[in-house]
């Protein structure tokens, strides 16, 4: 009988401690090797969740996309855009969320599909500048783009201000502030033919650089890509994206696709 009572007490103690562990995740973890709860020690239940993917972002409406309005019609860019010009970005994004409670925008990727030949271009280069001081337009040759949700059943949970260069005459912004951050810098290939695709992916440097099939042929336009660090645009802040091609005498006048996550 005593043996039975001891076994019953031990079983009840096991159940009680297990319940305490589940209800008190802030307790001290068991340092022992065994995973079984022990009297006097609280074992918190630890749960690990994988990082959400793009499908999950789209499901909740936080994955947003910006594209040119008409398929097959590229943007008009400055013909001889041969160097970096701080006041002349090709893409200007302002996170218009509330600065206290709003969401941060994360650049996922930008894709350019060339509709013309970037004549004499040595290379297509890019830079991204983050600025906590909002910039203003002084010469407006931008096209305003309204971003959309990638979920047909859900509206975008954020609609940042997105302006893209769309004229042979450069748009002009006020100069970036002394608090700016040069957040990305790279190159995505050289002389192209129409149909060449340039892509910059942000946030995952583990994939390596470059893309197979980067060389253009008459029958098969190529692809080229580069990878850059994560880009997070805080509420109330600006992001400017620049593309230029040393020695070029004509623009690629691209269609574009810009993916962002609002969290």
C-alpha atoms as a PDB file:
ATOM      1  CA  UNK A   1       0.000   0.000   0.000  1.00  0.00           C
ATOM      2  CA  UNK A   2       2.819   2.394   0.877  1.00  0.00           C
ATOM      3  CA  UNK A   3       4.444   1.666  -2.469  1.00  0.00           C
ATOM      4  CA  UNK A   4       1.175   2.464  -4.260  1.00  0.00           C
ATOM      5  CA  UNK A   5       0.763   5.736  -2.365  1.00  0.00           C
ATOM      6  CA  UNK A   6       4.319   6.811  -3.197  1.00  0.00           C
ATOM      7  CA  UNK A   7       3.771   6.034  -6.883  1.00  0.00           C
ATOM      8  CA  UNK A   8       0.487   7.968  -6.886  1.00  0.00           C
ATOM      9  CA  UNK A   9       2.091  10.983  -5.191  1.00  0.00           C
ATOM     10  CA  UNK A  10       4.946  10.885  -7.680  1.00  0.00           C
ATOM     11  CA  UNK A  11       2.566  10.769 -10.656  1.00  0.00           C
ATOM     12  CA  UNK A  12       0.468  13.630  -9.312  1.00  0.00           C
ATOM     13  CA  UNK A  13       3.606  15.673  -8.663  1.00  0.00           C
ATOM     14  CA  UNK A  14       4.713  15.120 -12.256  1.00  0.00           C
ATOM     15  CA  UNK A  15       1.360  16.338 -13.587  1.00  0.00           C
ATOM     16  CA  UNK A  16       1.295  19.380 -11.290  1.00  0.00           C
ATOM     17  CA  UNK A  17       4.789  20.471 -12.272  1.00  0.00           C
ATOM     18  CA  UNK A  18       3.995  19.972 -15.951  1.00  0.00           C
ATOM     19  CA  UNK A  19       0.933  22.187 -15.605  1.00  0.00           C
ATOM     20  CA  UNK A  20       2.984  24.815 -13.766  1.00  0.00           C
ATOM     21  CA  UNK A  21       5.527  24.753 -16.571  1.00  0.00           C
ATOM     22  CA  UNK A  22       2.876  25.354 -19.212  1.00  0.00           C
ATOM     23  CA  UNK A  23       1.212  28.157 -17.260  1.00  0.00           C
ATOM     24  CA  UNK A  24       4.397  29.912 -16.169  1.00  0.00           C
ATOM     25  CA  UNK A  25       6.698  30.275 -19.200  1.00  0.00           C
ATOM     26  CA  UNK A  26       8.753  32.847 -17.311  1.00  0.00           C
ATOM     27  CA  UNK A  27      10.056  30.309 -14.811  1.00  0.00           C
ATOM     28  CA  UNK A  28      13.656  29.138 -14.585  1.00  0.00           C
ATOM     29  CA  UNK A  29      14.586  26.469 -17.115  1.00  0.00           C
ATOM     30  CA  UNK A  30      15.704  23.062 -16.003  1.00  0.00           C
ATOM     31  CA  UNK A  31      19.468  22.795 -16.312  1.00  0.00           C
ATOM     32  CA  UNK A  32      19.423  18.995 -16.233  1.00  0.00           C
ATOM     33  CA  UNK A  33      19.880  16.683 -19.149  1.00  0.00           C
ATOM     34  CA  UNK A  34      16.479  14.999 -18.795  1.00  0.00           C
ATOM     35  CA  UNK A  35      13.475  16.705 -20.338  1.00  0.00           C
ATOM     36  CA  UNK A  36      11.116  15.359 -17.634  1.00  0.00           C
ATOM     37  CA  UNK A  37       9.905  17.944 -15.072  1.00  0.00           C
ATOM     38  CA  UNK A  38      11.373  17.640 -11.567  1.00  0.00           C
ATOM     39  CA  UNK A  39       9.921  18.750  -8.261  1.00  0.00           C
ATOM     40  CA  UNK A  40      10.900  22.311  -7.394  1.00  0.00           C
ATOM     41  CA  UNK A  41      11.987  23.144 -10.975  1.00  0.00           C
ATOM     42  CA  UNK A  42       9.802  24.833 -13.585  1.00  0.00           C
ATOM     43  CA  UNK A  43      10.349  23.786 -17.160  1.00  0.00           C
ATOM     44  CA  UNK A  44       8.987  26.475 -19.522  1.00  0.00           C
ATOM     45  CA  UNK A  45       7.464  25.284 -22.756  1.00  0.00           C
ATOM     46  CA  UNK A  46       9.619  26.843 -25.466  1.00  0.00           C
ATOM     47  CA  UNK A  47       8.077  27.259 -28.902  1.00  0.00           C
ATOM     48  CA  UNK A  48      10.001  28.244 -31.989  1.00  0.00           C
ATOM     49  CA  UNK A  49       8.283  29.652 -35.079  1.00  0.00           C
ATOM     50  CA  UNK A  50       9.866  29.881 -38.532  1.00  0.00           C
ATOM     51  CA  UNK A  51      10.216  33.335 -40.077  1.00  0.00           C
ATOM     52  CA  UNK A  52       7.176  34.190 -42.213  1.00  0.00           C
ATOM     53  CA  UNK A  53       7.632  33.860 -45.946  1.00  0.00           C
ATOM     54  CA  UNK A  54       6.340  36.006 -48.792  1.00  0.00           C
ATOM     55  CA  UNK A  55       3.141  33.970 -49.131  1.00  0.00           C
ATOM     56  CA  UNK A  56       2.299  34.648 -45.487  1.00  0.00           C
ATOM     57  CA  UNK A  57       3.073  38.352 -45.917  1.00  0.00           C
ATOM     58  CA  UNK A  58       0.755  38.403 -48.933  1.00  0.00           C
ATOM     59  CA  UNK A  59      -1.954  36.561 -47.000  1.00  0.00           C
ATOM     60  CA  UNK A  60      -2.102  39.276 -44.337  1.00  0.00           C
ATOM     61  CA  UNK A  61      -1.847  42.136 -46.871  1.00  0.00           C
ATOM     62  CA  UNK A  62       1.589  43.280 -45.728  1.00  0.00           C
ATOM     63  CA  UNK A  63       3.359  42.407 -49.005  1.00  0.00           C
ATOM     64  CA  UNK A  64       2.885  45.306 -51.409  1.00  0.00           C
ATOM     65  CA  UNK A  65       3.963  45.814 -54.995  1.00  0.00           C
ATOM     66  CA  UNK A  66       4.548  48.846 -57.200  1.00  0.00           C
ATOM     67  CA  UNK A  67       4.812  48.606 -60.988  1.00  0.00           C
ATOM     68  CA  UNK A  68       4.640  50.870 -64.014  1.00  0.00           C
ATOM     69  CA  UNK A  69       1.020  51.468 -65.055  1.00  0.00           C
ATOM     70  CA  UNK A  70       1.112  49.799 -68.483  1.00  0.00           C
ATOM     71  CA  UNK A  71       2.625  46.441 -69.376  1.00  0.00           C
ATOM     72  CA  UNK A  72       5.077  46.863 -72.253  1.00  0.00           C
ATOM     73  CA  UNK A  73       5.526  50.615 -71.760  1.00  0.00           C
ATOM     74  CA  UNK A  74       8.739  51.567 -70.017  1.00  0.00           C
ATOM     75  CA  UNK A  75       9.560  54.635 -67.998  1.00  0.00           C
ATOM     76  CA  UNK A  76      11.398  57.488 -69.689  1.00  0.00           C
ATOM     77  CA  UNK A  77      14.771  58.125 -68.066  1.00  0.00           C
ATOM     78  CA  UNK A  78      17.490  60.694 -68.635  1.00  0.00           C
ATOM     79  CA  UNK A  79      19.485  59.625 -71.703  1.00  0.00           C
ATOM     80  CA  UNK A  80      22.993  60.339 -70.428  1.00  0.00           C
ATOM     81  CA  UNK A  81      22.611  59.345 -66.790  1.00  0.00           C
ATOM     82  CA  UNK A  82      26.335  58.711 -66.414  1.00  0.00           C
ATOM     83  CA  UNK A  83      27.043  59.357 -62.714  1.00  0.00           C
ATOM     84  CA  UNK A  84      25.494  59.407 -59.279  1.00  0.00           C
ATOM     85  CA  UNK A  85      23.578  62.620 -58.541  1.00  0.00           C
ATOM     86  CA  UNK A  86      22.347  62.941 -54.958  1.00  0.00           C
ATOM     87  CA  UNK A  87      19.366  65.135 -55.888  1.00  0.00           C
ATOM     88  CA  UNK A  88      18.252  63.015 -58.863  1.00  0.00           C
ATOM     89  CA  UNK A  89      17.044  59.547 -57.806  1.00  0.00           C
ATOM     90  CA  UNK A  90      15.129  57.262 -60.139  1.00  0.00           C
ATOM     91  CA  UNK A  91      12.869  56.060 -57.318  1.00  0.00           C
ATOM     92  CA  UNK A  92      11.853  58.044 -54.250  1.00  0.00           C
ATOM     93  CA  UNK A  93       9.892  56.350 -51.457  1.00  0.00           C
ATOM     94  CA  UNK A  94       8.455  58.108 -48.409  1.00  0.00           C
ATOM     95  CA  UNK A  95       7.061  56.055 -45.553  1.00  0.00           C
ATOM     96  CA  UNK A  96       3.993  58.091 -44.636  1.00  0.00           C
ATOM     97  CA  UNK A  97       3.030  55.907 -41.659  1.00  0.00           C
ATOM     98  CA  UNK A  98       2.572  57.520 -38.230  1.00  0.00           C
ATOM     99  CA  UNK A  99       6.000  58.108 -36.711  1.00  0.00           C
ATOM    100  CA  UNK A 100       4.932  56.752 -33.309  1.00  0.00           C
ATOM    101  CA  UNK A 101       2.775  53.758 -34.187  1.00  0.00           C
ATOM    102  CA  UNK A 102       3.303  53.153 -37.908  1.00  0.00           C
ATOM    103  CA  UNK A 103       4.844  50.263 -39.770  1.00  0.00           C
ATOM    104  CA  UNK A 104       8.378  50.012 -41.096  1.00  0.00           C
ATOM    105  CA  UNK A 105       8.814  49.303 -44.813  1.00  0.00           C
ATOM    106  CA  UNK A 106      11.337  46.676 -45.911  1.00  0.00           C
ATOM    107  CA  UNK A 107      12.576  46.608 -49.498  1.00  0.00           C
ATOM    108  CA  UNK A 108      12.412  43.067 -50.855  1.00  0.00           C
ATOM    109  CA  UNK A 109      13.605  43.533 -54.435  1.00  0.00           C
ATOM    110  CA  UNK A 110      13.560  45.824 -57.429  1.00  0.00           C
ATOM    111  CA  UNK A 111      13.401  44.537 -60.996  1.00  0.00           C
ATOM    112  CA  UNK A 112      14.030  46.515 -64.187  1.00  0.00           C
ATOM    113  CA  UNK A 113      12.991  45.110 -67.575  1.00  0.00           C
ATOM    114  CA  UNK A 114      14.756  47.132 -70.275  1.00  0.00           C
ATOM    115  CA  UNK A 115      12.687  48.300 -73.241  1.00  0.00           C
ATOM    116  CA  UNK A 116      15.598  49.987 -75.043  1.00  0.00           C
ATOM    117  CA  UNK A 117      19.354  49.623 -75.444  1.00  0.00           C
ATOM    118  CA  UNK A 118      21.529  51.504 -72.964  1.00  0.00           C
ATOM    119  CA  UNK A 119      23.915  52.570 -75.710  1.00  0.00           C
ATOM    120  CA  UNK A 120      27.627  52.650 -74.801  1.00  0.00           C
ATOM    121  CA  UNK A 121      26.946  51.868 -71.143  1.00  0.00           C
ATOM    122  CA  UNK A 122      29.993  50.394 -69.414  1.00  0.00           C
ATOM    123  CA  UNK A 123      27.954  49.126 -66.453  1.00  0.00           C
ATOM    124  CA  UNK A 124      24.635  49.757 -64.725  1.00  0.00           C
ATOM    125  CA  UNK A 125      25.283  50.816 -61.174  1.00  0.00           C
ATOM    126  CA  UNK A 126      23.008  51.596 -58.259  1.00  0.00           C
ATOM    127  CA  UNK A 127      22.900  53.078 -54.774  1.00  0.00           C
ATOM    128  CA  UNK A 128      20.253  53.337 -52.057  1.00  0.00           C
ATOM    129  CA  UNK A 129      20.111  56.195 -49.542  1.00  0.00           C
ATOM    130  CA  UNK A 130      18.023  56.203 -46.366  1.00  0.00           C
ATOM    131  CA  UNK A 131      17.279  59.580 -44.808  1.00  0.00           C
ATOM    132  CA  UNK A 132      15.422  60.367 -41.567  1.00  0.00           C
ATOM    133  CA  UNK A 133      14.821  63.909 -42.859  1.00  0.00           C
ATOM    134  CA  UNK A 134      12.018  63.949 -45.459  1.00  0.00           C
ATOM    135  CA  UNK A 135      13.124  65.427 -48.782  1.00  0.00           C
ATOM    136  CA  UNK A 136      11.096  67.738 -50.997  1.00  0.00           C
ATOM    137  CA  UNK A 137      10.607  67.887 -54.763  1.00  0.00           C
ATOM    138  CA  UNK A 138      11.972  71.012 -56.442  1.00  0.00           C
ATOM    139  CA  UNK A 139      11.622  69.830 -60.066  1.00  0.00           C
ATOM    140  CA  UNK A 140       8.853  67.294 -60.547  1.00  0.00           C
ATOM    141  CA  UNK A 141       9.190  64.936 -63.491  1.00  0.00           C
ATOM    142  CA  UNK A 142       8.168  61.987 -61.341  1.00  0.00           C
ATOM    143  CA  UNK A 143       5.285  59.626 -61.933  1.00  0.00           C
ATOM    144  CA  UNK A 144       3.350  58.884 -58.719  1.00  0.00           C
ATOM    145  CA  UNK A 145       2.695  55.168 -58.213  1.00  0.00           C
ATOM    146  CA  UNK A 146       0.040  53.760 -55.886  1.00  0.00           C
ATOM    147  CA  UNK A 147       1.268  50.452 -54.427  1.00  0.00           C
ATOM    148  CA  UNK A 148      -1.116  47.514 -54.271  1.00  0.00           C
ATOM    149  CA  UNK A 149      -1.535  44.373 -52.211  1.00  0.00           C
ATOM    150  CA  UNK A 150      -0.307  41.115 -53.751  1.00  0.00           C
ATOM    151  CA  UNK A 151      -3.423  39.504 -52.258  1.00  0.00           C
ATOM    152  CA  UNK A 152      -6.484  40.008 -54.472  1.00  0.00           C
ATOM    153  CA  UNK A 153      -8.743  39.605 -51.444  1.00  0.00           C
ATOM    154  CA  UNK A 154      -7.003  42.076 -49.128  1.00  0.00           C
ATOM    155  CA  UNK A 155      -6.119  45.748 -49.430  1.00  0.00           C
ATOM    156  CA  UNK A 156      -2.534  46.792 -48.782  1.00  0.00           C
ATOM    157  CA  UNK A 157      -2.045  47.588 -45.093  1.00  0.00           C
ATOM    158  CA  UNK A 158       0.319  50.440 -46.025  1.00  0.00           C
ATOM    159  CA  UNK A 159       0.406  52.785 -49.020  1.00  0.00           C
ATOM    160  CA  UNK A 160       3.730  54.631 -48.998  1.00  0.00           C
ATOM    161  CA  UNK A 161       4.384  57.539 -51.334  1.00  0.00           C
ATOM    162  CA  UNK A 162       6.302  56.162 -54.331  1.00  0.00           C
ATOM    163  CA  UNK A 163       7.569  58.419 -57.120  1.00  0.00           C
ATOM    164  CA  UNK A 164       9.496  57.197 -60.173  1.00  0.00           C
ATOM    165  CA  UNK A 165      11.445  59.206 -62.728  1.00  0.00           C
ATOM    166  CA  UNK A 166       9.492  59.421 -65.988  1.00  0.00           C
ATOM    167  CA  UNK A 167      11.030  62.114 -68.211  1.00  0.00           C
ATOM    168  CA  UNK A 168      14.149  62.777 -70.244  1.00  0.00           C
ATOM    169  CA  UNK A 169      14.578  65.799 -67.953  1.00  0.00           C
ATOM    170  CA  UNK A 170      15.741  64.864 -64.475  1.00  0.00           C
ATOM    171  CA  UNK A 171      13.525  65.353 -61.460  1.00  0.00           C
ATOM    172  CA  UNK A 172      15.228  67.158 -58.590  1.00  0.00           C
ATOM    173  CA  UNK A 173      14.888  66.630 -54.845  1.00  0.00           C
ATOM    174  CA  UNK A 174      16.324  68.665 -52.017  1.00  0.00           C
ATOM    175  CA  UNK A 175      19.776  67.408 -51.021  1.00  0.00           C
ATOM    176  CA  UNK A 176      20.014  64.472 -48.660  1.00  0.00           C
ATOM    177  CA  UNK A 177      20.694  65.398 -45.032  1.00  0.00           C
ATOM    178  CA  UNK A 178      23.824  64.925 -42.974  1.00  0.00           C
ATOM    179  CA  UNK A 179      22.006  62.072 -41.208  1.00  0.00           C
ATOM    180  CA  UNK A 180      21.580  60.013 -44.364  1.00  0.00           C
ATOM    181  CA  UNK A 181      22.830  56.457 -44.664  1.00  0.00           C
ATOM    182  CA  UNK A 182      24.252  55.025 -47.883  1.00  0.00           C
ATOM    183  CA  UNK A 183      22.487  51.735 -47.311  1.00  0.00           C
ATOM    184  CA  UNK A 184      23.379  49.877 -50.511  1.00  0.00           C
ATOM    185  CA  UNK A 185      25.806  50.170 -53.413  1.00  0.00           C
ATOM    186  CA  UNK A 186      26.429  47.830 -56.312  1.00  0.00           C
ATOM    187  CA  UNK A 187      26.376  47.004 -60.016  1.00  0.00           C
ATOM    188  CA  UNK A 188      23.954  44.953 -62.138  1.00  0.00           C
ATOM    189  CA  UNK A 189      25.586  44.388 -65.508  1.00  0.00           C
ATOM    190  CA  UNK A 190      26.611  46.345 -68.588  1.00  0.00           C
ATOM    191  CA  UNK A 191      25.452  46.960 -72.164  1.00  0.00           C
ATOM    192  CA  UNK A 192      22.114  45.299 -72.814  1.00  0.00           C
ATOM    193  CA  UNK A 193      19.602  44.551 -75.500  1.00  0.00           C
ATOM    194  CA  UNK A 194      15.889  45.225 -75.074  1.00  0.00           C
ATOM    195  CA  UNK A 195      14.374  42.662 -72.738  1.00  0.00           C
ATOM    196  CA  UNK A 196      17.373  42.314 -70.428  1.00  0.00           C
ATOM    197  CA  UNK A 197      16.253  41.985 -66.798  1.00  0.00           C
ATOM    198  CA  UNK A 198      18.177  43.661 -63.965  1.00  0.00           C
ATOM    199  CA  UNK A 199      17.316  42.669 -60.385  1.00  0.00           C
ATOM    200  CA  UNK A 200      18.534  43.813 -56.982  1.00  0.00           C
ATOM    201  CA  UNK A 201      17.464  41.638 -54.031  1.00  0.00           C
ATOM    202  CA  UNK A 202      17.627  43.097 -50.535  1.00  0.00           C
ATOM    203  CA  UNK A 203      18.184  41.373 -47.230  1.00  0.00           C
ATOM    204  CA  UNK A 204      19.703  37.980 -48.046  1.00  0.00           C
ATOM    205  CA  UNK A 205      23.402  37.905 -48.844  1.00  0.00           C
ATOM    206  CA  UNK A 206      23.619  34.121 -48.506  1.00  0.00           C
ATOM    207  CA  UNK A 207      22.532  33.556 -52.092  1.00  0.00           C
ATOM    208  CA  UNK A 208      25.793  34.679 -53.682  1.00  0.00           C
ATOM    209  CA  UNK A 209      26.048  37.185 -56.530  1.00  0.00           C
ATOM    210  CA  UNK A 210      25.288  37.206 -60.215  1.00  0.00           C
ATOM    211  CA  UNK A 211      22.794  35.257 -62.247  1.00  0.00           C
ATOM    212  CA  UNK A 212      23.384  32.486 -64.817  1.00  0.00           C
ATOM    213  CA  UNK A 213      22.589  33.573 -68.356  1.00  0.00           C
ATOM    214  CA  UNK A 214      23.580  37.194 -67.803  1.00  0.00           C
ATOM    215  CA  UNK A 215      24.919  37.533 -71.356  1.00  0.00           C
ATOM    216  CA  UNK A 216      22.532  38.776 -74.028  1.00  0.00           C
ATOM    217  CA  UNK A 217      22.131  37.017 -77.348  1.00  0.00           C
ATOM    218  CA  UNK A 218      19.971  38.050 -80.276  1.00  0.00           C
ATOM    219  CA  UNK A 219      17.414  35.360 -79.440  1.00  0.00           C
ATOM    220  CA  UNK A 220      17.629  35.428 -75.642  1.00  0.00           C
ATOM    221  CA  UNK A 221      17.929  38.611 -73.578  1.00  0.00           C
ATOM    222  CA  UNK A 222      19.938  37.935 -70.459  1.00  0.00           C
ATOM    223  CA  UNK A 223      19.468  38.512 -66.766  1.00  0.00           C
ATOM    224  CA  UNK A 224      21.781  40.022 -64.198  1.00  0.00           C
ATOM    225  CA  UNK A 225      21.385  40.485 -60.475  1.00  0.00           C
ATOM    226  CA  UNK A 226      23.032  41.792 -57.348  1.00  0.00           C
ATOM    227  CA  UNK A 227      22.418  41.394 -53.624  1.00  0.00           C
ATOM    228  CA  UNK A 228      22.358  44.089 -50.978  1.00  0.00           C
ATOM    229  CA  UNK A 229      21.844  44.308 -47.218  1.00  0.00           C
ATOM    230  CA  UNK A 230      18.403  44.725 -45.626  1.00  0.00           C
ATOM    231  CA  UNK A 231      16.778  48.117 -46.233  1.00  0.00           C
ATOM    232  CA  UNK A 232      14.311  49.265 -43.538  1.00  0.00           C
ATOM    233  CA  UNK A 233      12.449  52.551 -44.039  1.00  0.00           C
ATOM    234  CA  UNK A 234      11.173  53.775 -40.675  1.00  0.00           C
ATOM    235  CA  UNK A 235       7.881  55.700 -40.410  1.00  0.00           C
ATOM    236  CA  UNK A 236       8.352  59.283 -41.604  1.00  0.00           C
ATOM    237  CA  UNK A 237      11.651  58.490 -43.336  1.00  0.00           C
ATOM    238  CA  UNK A 238      12.723  58.531 -46.995  1.00  0.00           C
ATOM    239  CA  UNK A 239      14.442  56.064 -49.300  1.00  0.00           C
ATOM    240  CA  UNK A 240      16.008  57.112 -52.613  1.00  0.00           C
ATOM    241  CA  UNK A 241      17.133  54.566 -55.227  1.00  0.00           C
ATOM    242  CA  UNK A 242      19.562  55.597 -57.974  1.00  0.00           C
ATOM    243  CA  UNK A 243      20.639  53.946 -61.227  1.00  0.00           C
ATOM    244  CA  UNK A 244      23.290  55.274 -63.593  1.00  0.00           C
ATOM    245  CA  UNK A 245      25.568  54.000 -66.356  1.00  0.00           C
ATOM    246  CA  UNK A 246      29.027  55.510 -66.965  1.00  0.00           C
ATOM    247  CA  UNK A 247      29.598  56.472 -70.629  1.00  0.00           C
ATOM    248  CA  UNK A 248      25.988  55.776 -71.614  1.00  0.00           C
ATOM    249  CA  UNK A 249      24.335  57.880 -74.299  1.00  0.00           C
ATOM    250  CA  UNK A 250      20.849  56.356 -74.117  1.00  0.00           C
ATOM    251  CA  UNK A 251      18.618  55.004 -71.377  1.00  0.00           C
ATOM    252  CA  UNK A 252      17.203  51.495 -71.002  1.00  0.00           C
ATOM    253  CA  UNK A 253      13.760  53.086 -70.293  1.00  0.00           C
ATOM    254  CA  UNK A 254      12.689  50.173 -68.116  1.00  0.00           C
ATOM    255  CA  UNK A 255       9.479  48.694 -66.939  1.00  0.00           C
ATOM    256  CA  UNK A 256       9.854  48.128 -63.220  1.00  0.00           C
ATOM    257  CA  UNK A 257       8.622  46.017 -60.332  1.00  0.00           C
ATOM    258  CA  UNK A 258       9.248  46.981 -56.700  1.00  0.00           C
ATOM    259  CA  UNK A 259       8.370  44.625 -53.838  1.00  0.00           C
ATOM    260  CA  UNK A 260       8.070  45.794 -50.230  1.00  0.00           C
ATOM    261  CA  UNK A 261       6.910  44.377 -46.899  1.00  0.00           C
ATOM    262  CA  UNK A 262       5.152  46.554 -44.304  1.00  0.00           C
ATOM    263  CA  UNK A 263       5.566  45.313 -40.725  1.00  0.00           C
END
